[in-house]
Amino acid sequence: MKLRLILKTTSKKDKEVSIKFNIAPSKHSGFINFINMALNQNKPVIITFEKISKSGERQESKIVGTFKFEGKDDPGLKQLEEEINDKEKKRKKQHMKRVQT
């Protein structure tokens, strides 16, 4: 399964513009948990950017935004969460089998 973050906006001429960021499978569970927490607690989410130089120096961007998540399909979100949890359990079970042999 692929999980993608999609950001959308409109241009001056009302043309839709979007950018898509793939979310690594190892981050699926944490991302879904974060979204569910934000939805359940009805708290705002702050988005910022961080620049990391080749030397490892981190600098926070001057751009920041705040928004709230809205549940569009609550049963669908629950199903997605269950699928991710099932995959994680299977992966851990396979890992334990490999470690024991």
N, C-alpha and C. Protein backbone atom coordinates (compact mmCIF):
# COMPACT_ATOMS: atom_id res chain seq x y z
N MET A 1 0.84 -1.17 0.00
CA MET A 1 0.00 0.00 0.00
C MET A 1 0.89 1.24 0.00
N LYS A 2 0.48 2.26 -0.74
CA LYS A 2 1.19 3.53 -0.75
C LYS A 2 0.38 4.55 0.01
N LEU A 3 1.06 5.43 0.70
CA LEU A 3 0.40 6.52 1.41
C LEU A 3 1.09 7.80 0.97
N ARG A 4 0.29 8.79 0.61
CA ARG A 4 0.82 10.02 0.05
C ARG A 4 0.17 11.23 0.71
N LEU A 5 0.95 12.25 1.00
CA LEU A 5 0.44 13.53 1.48
C LEU A 5 0.30 14.42 0.26
N ILE A 6 -0.90 14.96 0.05
CA ILE A 6 -1.15 15.81 -1.11
C ILE A 6 -1.56 17.20 -0.62
N LEU A 7 -0.83 18.21 -1.07
CA LEU A 7 -1.15 19.59 -0.75
C LEU A 7 -1.73 20.25 -1.99
N LYS A 8 -2.88 20.94 -1.82
CA LYS A 8 -3.54 21.57 -2.97
C LYS A 8 -3.80 23.04 -2.67
N THR A 9 -3.75 23.83 -3.72
CA THR A 9 -4.12 25.24 -3.66
C THR A 9 -4.60 25.64 -5.05
N THR A 10 -4.97 26.90 -5.21
CA THR A 10 -5.37 27.39 -6.53
C THR A 10 -4.50 28.58 -6.89
N SER A 11 -4.26 28.73 -8.18
CA SER A 11 -3.45 29.84 -8.68
C SER A 11 -4.32 31.10 -8.80
N LYS A 12 -3.70 32.19 -9.22
CA LYS A 12 -4.44 33.45 -9.42
C LYS A 12 -5.55 33.29 -10.43
N LYS A 13 -5.35 32.39 -11.38
CA LYS A 13 -6.35 32.17 -12.43
C LYS A 13 -7.30 31.02 -12.07
N ASP A 14 -7.40 30.70 -10.79
CA ASP A 14 -8.27 29.64 -10.27
C ASP A 14 -7.98 28.26 -10.84
N LYS A 15 -6.73 28.03 -11.17
CA LYS A 15 -6.31 26.70 -11.63
C LYS A 15 -5.77 25.93 -10.43
N GLU A 16 -6.20 24.67 -10.28
CA GLU A 16 -5.76 23.87 -9.14
C GLU A 16 -4.30 23.44 -9.32
N VAL A 17 -3.53 23.61 -8.26
CA VAL A 17 -2.12 23.23 -8.25
C VAL A 17 -1.92 22.31 -7.05
N SER A 18 -1.19 21.21 -7.25
CA SER A 18 -0.96 20.28 -6.13
C SER A 18 0.46 19.75 -6.17
N ILE A 19 0.90 19.29 -5.02
CA ILE A 19 2.19 18.62 -4.89
C ILE A 19 1.98 17.40 -4.01
N LYS A 20 2.66 16.31 -4.33
CA LYS A 20 2.45 15.05 -3.61
C LYS A 20 3.77 14.58 -2.99
N PHE A 21 3.68 14.15 -1.73
CA PHE A 21 4.84 13.62 -1.02
C PHE A 21 4.53 12.20 -0.58
N ASN A 22 5.37 11.26 -0.99
CA ASN A 22 5.19 9.87 -0.57
C ASN A 22 5.59 9.74 0.89
N ILE A 23 4.85 8.90 1.62
CA ILE A 23 5.16 8.62 3.02
C ILE A 23 5.69 7.19 3.07
N ALA A 24 6.88 7.04 3.60
CA ALA A 24 7.53 5.73 3.66
C ALA A 24 6.69 4.74 4.47
N PRO A 25 6.67 3.47 4.06
CA PRO A 25 5.89 2.47 4.80
C PRO A 25 6.23 2.41 6.29
N SER A 26 7.48 2.67 6.65
CA SER A 26 7.86 2.64 8.06
C SER A 26 7.24 3.79 8.84
N LYS A 27 6.72 4.81 8.16
CA LYS A 27 6.11 5.97 8.81
C LYS A 27 4.58 5.95 8.77
N HIS A 28 3.98 4.96 8.07
CA HIS A 28 2.53 4.91 7.93
C HIS A 28 1.81 4.93 9.26
N SER A 29 2.22 4.06 10.16
CA SER A 29 1.53 3.93 11.45
C SER A 29 1.60 5.23 12.24
N GLY A 30 2.76 5.84 12.32
CA GLY A 30 2.91 7.09 13.05
C GLY A 30 2.12 8.21 12.44
N PHE A 31 2.08 8.27 11.12
CA PHE A 31 1.32 9.31 10.42
C PHE A 31 -0.17 9.17 10.69
N ILE A 32 -0.70 7.96 10.57
CA ILE A 32 -2.12 7.71 10.84
C ILE A 32 -2.45 8.02 12.29
N ASN A 33 -1.59 7.62 13.23
CA ASN A 33 -1.83 7.92 14.64
C ASN A 33 -1.87 9.43 14.88
N PHE A 34 -0.97 10.17 14.24
CA PHE A 34 -0.93 11.63 14.38
C PHE A 34 -2.24 12.25 13.88
N ILE A 35 -2.69 11.81 12.70
CA ILE A 35 -3.92 12.35 12.13
C ILE A 35 -5.11 12.03 13.03
N ASN A 36 -5.20 10.79 13.50
CA ASN A 36 -6.30 10.41 14.39
C ASN A 36 -6.29 11.23 15.67
N MET A 37 -5.11 11.47 16.23
CA MET A 37 -5.02 12.27 17.45
C MET A 37 -5.53 13.69 17.19
N ALA A 38 -5.10 14.29 16.08
CA ALA A 38 -5.52 15.64 15.74
C ALA A 38 -7.04 15.69 15.51
N LEU A 39 -7.58 14.66 14.85
CA LEU A 39 -9.03 14.62 14.61
C LEU A 39 -9.80 14.45 15.91
N ASN A 40 -9.39 13.49 16.74
CA ASN A 40 -10.12 13.18 17.97
C ASN A 40 -10.08 14.31 18.98
N GLN A 41 -8.97 15.03 19.06
CA GLN A 41 -8.84 16.10 20.04
C GLN A 41 -9.26 17.46 19.49
N ASN A 42 -9.58 17.50 18.19
CA ASN A 42 -10.02 18.72 17.53
C ASN A 42 -9.07 19.89 17.79
N LYS A 43 -7.78 19.60 17.71
CA LYS A 43 -6.74 20.61 17.92
C LYS A 43 -6.17 21.05 16.58
N PRO A 44 -5.70 22.29 16.48
CA PRO A 44 -5.09 22.74 15.22
C PRO A 44 -3.73 22.07 14.99
N VAL A 45 -3.36 21.95 13.74
CA VAL A 45 -2.07 21.39 13.34
C VAL A 45 -1.25 22.53 12.76
N ILE A 46 0.00 22.62 13.18
CA ILE A 46 0.88 23.66 12.68
C ILE A 46 1.86 23.03 11.70
N ILE A 47 2.01 23.64 10.54
CA ILE A 47 2.95 23.14 9.54
C ILE A 47 4.08 24.16 9.40
N THR A 48 5.31 23.66 9.49
CA THR A 48 6.49 24.49 9.29
C THR A 48 7.47 23.70 8.43
N PHE A 49 8.52 24.35 8.03
CA PHE A 49 9.54 23.72 7.20
C PHE A 49 10.89 23.88 7.87
N GLU A 50 11.76 22.92 7.63
CA GLU A 50 13.09 22.95 8.23
C GLU A 50 14.11 22.67 7.14
N LYS A 51 15.09 23.55 7.04
CA LYS A 51 16.17 23.35 6.08
C LYS A 51 17.33 22.68 6.81
N ILE A 52 17.88 21.63 6.20
CA ILE A 52 19.00 20.91 6.79
C ILE A 52 20.15 20.96 5.78
N SER A 53 21.25 21.58 6.19
CA SER A 53 22.40 21.70 5.29
C SER A 53 23.14 20.37 5.22
N LYS A 54 24.07 20.27 4.29
CA LYS A 54 24.86 19.04 4.15
C LYS A 54 25.68 18.76 5.40
N SER A 55 26.03 19.81 6.14
CA SER A 55 26.81 19.62 7.37
C SER A 55 25.92 19.22 8.54
N GLY A 56 24.59 19.21 8.34
CA GLY A 56 23.67 18.80 9.39
C GLY A 56 23.07 19.96 10.16
N GLU A 57 23.43 21.18 9.80
CA GLU A 57 22.88 22.35 10.49
C GLU A 57 21.41 22.52 10.11
N ARG A 58 20.58 22.74 11.12
CA ARG A 58 19.14 22.88 10.89
C ARG A 58 18.72 24.32 11.07
N GLN A 59 17.83 24.75 10.18
CA GLN A 59 17.32 26.11 10.23
C GLN A 59 15.83 26.06 9.93
N GLU A 60 15.02 26.63 10.83
CA GLU A 60 13.58 26.64 10.62
C GLU A 60 13.21 27.73 9.62
N SER A 61 12.30 27.41 8.73
CA SER A 61 11.86 28.35 7.71
C SER A 61 11.00 29.44 8.34
N LYS A 62 10.89 30.55 7.66
CA LYS A 62 10.08 31.66 8.14
C LYS A 62 8.61 31.50 7.76
N ILE A 63 8.29 30.41 7.08
CA ILE A 63 6.91 30.14 6.65
C ILE A 63 6.25 29.20 7.66
N VAL A 64 5.03 29.52 8.05
CA VAL A 64 4.29 28.68 8.99
C VAL A 64 2.80 28.75 8.64
N GLY A 65 2.07 27.68 8.92
CA GLY A 65 0.63 27.65 8.68
C GLY A 65 -0.07 26.85 9.75
N THR A 66 -1.35 27.11 9.95
CA THR A 66 -2.16 26.40 10.93
C THR A 66 -3.46 25.96 10.26
N PHE A 67 -3.88 24.73 10.52
CA PHE A 67 -5.13 24.23 9.96
C PHE A 67 -5.68 23.14 10.87
N LYS A 68 -6.93 22.73 10.62
CA LYS A 68 -7.54 21.63 11.36
C LYS A 68 -7.93 20.54 10.37
N PHE A 69 -7.76 19.29 10.79
CA PHE A 69 -8.20 18.17 9.98
C PHE A 69 -9.70 18.02 10.12
N GLU A 70 -10.35 17.57 9.05
CA GLU A 70 -11.77 17.24 9.08
C GLU A 70 -11.91 15.80 8.63
N GLY A 71 -12.76 15.05 9.31
CA GLY A 71 -13.00 13.66 8.91
C GLY A 71 -13.98 13.62 7.75
N LYS A 72 -13.53 13.11 6.62
CA LYS A 72 -14.38 13.02 5.43
C LYS A 72 -15.07 11.66 5.38
N ASP A 73 -14.35 10.64 5.83
CA ASP A 73 -14.85 9.27 5.78
C ASP A 73 -14.32 8.53 7.01
N ASP A 74 -14.99 8.70 8.15
CA ASP A 74 -14.52 8.09 9.40
C ASP A 74 -14.38 6.57 9.31
N PRO A 75 -15.36 5.84 8.74
CA PRO A 75 -15.18 4.39 8.61
C PRO A 75 -13.97 4.05 7.73
N GLY A 76 -13.74 4.83 6.70
CA GLY A 76 -12.59 4.60 5.82
C GLY A 76 -11.28 4.81 6.54
N LEU A 77 -11.23 5.82 7.42
CA LEU A 77 -10.03 6.07 8.22
C LEU A 77 -9.76 4.91 9.16
N LYS A 78 -10.81 4.40 9.79
CA LYS A 78 -10.65 3.27 10.69
C LYS A 78 -10.15 2.04 9.93
N GLN A 79 -10.68 1.82 8.73
CA GLN A 79 -10.26 0.67 7.93
C GLN A 79 -8.79 0.81 7.54
N LEU A 80 -8.38 2.01 7.14
CA LEU A 80 -6.99 2.25 6.78
C LEU A 80 -6.08 1.99 7.97
N GLU A 81 -6.49 2.45 9.15
CA GLU A 81 -5.70 2.24 10.36
C GLU A 81 -5.57 0.74 10.66
N GLU A 82 -6.67 0.00 10.50
CA GLU A 82 -6.64 -1.44 10.75
C GLU A 82 -5.72 -2.15 9.75
N GLU A 83 -5.77 -1.74 8.48
CA GLU A 83 -4.89 -2.35 7.46
C GLU A 83 -3.42 -2.13 7.82
N ILE A 84 -3.10 -0.93 8.22
CA ILE A 84 -1.71 -0.61 8.57
C ILE A 84 -1.28 -1.40 9.80
N ASN A 85 -2.15 -1.48 10.80
CA ASN A 85 -1.82 -2.24 12.01
C ASN A 85 -1.64 -3.72 11.69
N ASP A 86 -2.50 -4.28 10.82
CA ASP A 86 -2.37 -5.69 10.42
C ASP A 86 -1.04 -5.93 9.71
N LYS A 87 -0.68 -5.04 8.80
CA LYS A 87 0.60 -5.19 8.08
C LYS A 87 1.77 -5.12 9.05
N GLU A 88 1.68 -4.21 10.01
CA GLU A 88 2.76 -4.06 11.00
C GLU A 88 2.88 -5.33 11.84
N LYS A 89 1.75 -5.91 12.25
CA LYS A 89 1.77 -7.15 13.03
C LYS A 89 2.39 -8.29 12.24
N LYS A 90 1.99 -8.41 10.95
CA LYS A 90 2.54 -9.47 10.09
C LYS A 90 4.04 -9.30 9.92
N ARG A 91 4.47 -8.04 9.73
CA ARG A 91 5.90 -7.77 9.54
C ARG A 91 6.68 -8.15 10.80
N LYS A 92 6.15 -7.80 11.97
CA LYS A 92 6.82 -8.13 13.22
C LYS A 92 6.84 -9.64 13.45
N LYS A 93 5.74 -10.31 13.07
CA LYS A 93 5.67 -11.76 13.23
C LYS A 93 6.72 -12.44 12.34
N GLN A 94 6.85 -11.98 11.09
CA GLN A 94 7.85 -12.52 10.18
C GLN A 94 9.26 -12.28 10.72
N HIS A 95 9.47 -11.10 11.27
CA HIS A 95 10.78 -10.77 11.83
C HIS A 95 11.11 -11.69 13.00
N MET A 96 10.13 -11.94 13.86
CA MET A 96 10.36 -12.82 15.01
C MET A 96 10.68 -14.24 14.54
N LYS A 97 10.02 -14.72 13.47
CA LYS A 97 10.30 -16.04 12.94
C LYS A 97 11.74 -16.13 12.44
N ARG A 98 12.19 -15.06 11.76
CA ARG A 98 13.56 -15.04 11.24
C ARG A 98 14.58 -14.98 12.36
N VAL A 99 14.28 -14.26 13.41
CA VAL A 99 15.21 -14.11 14.53
C VAL A 99 15.32 -15.43 15.29
N GLN A 100 14.23 -16.15 15.44
CA GLN A 100 14.23 -17.39 16.21
C GLN A 100 14.92 -18.54 15.48
N THR A 101 14.98 -18.50 14.15
CA THR A 101 15.58 -19.63 13.43
C THR A 101 17.05 -19.45 13.19
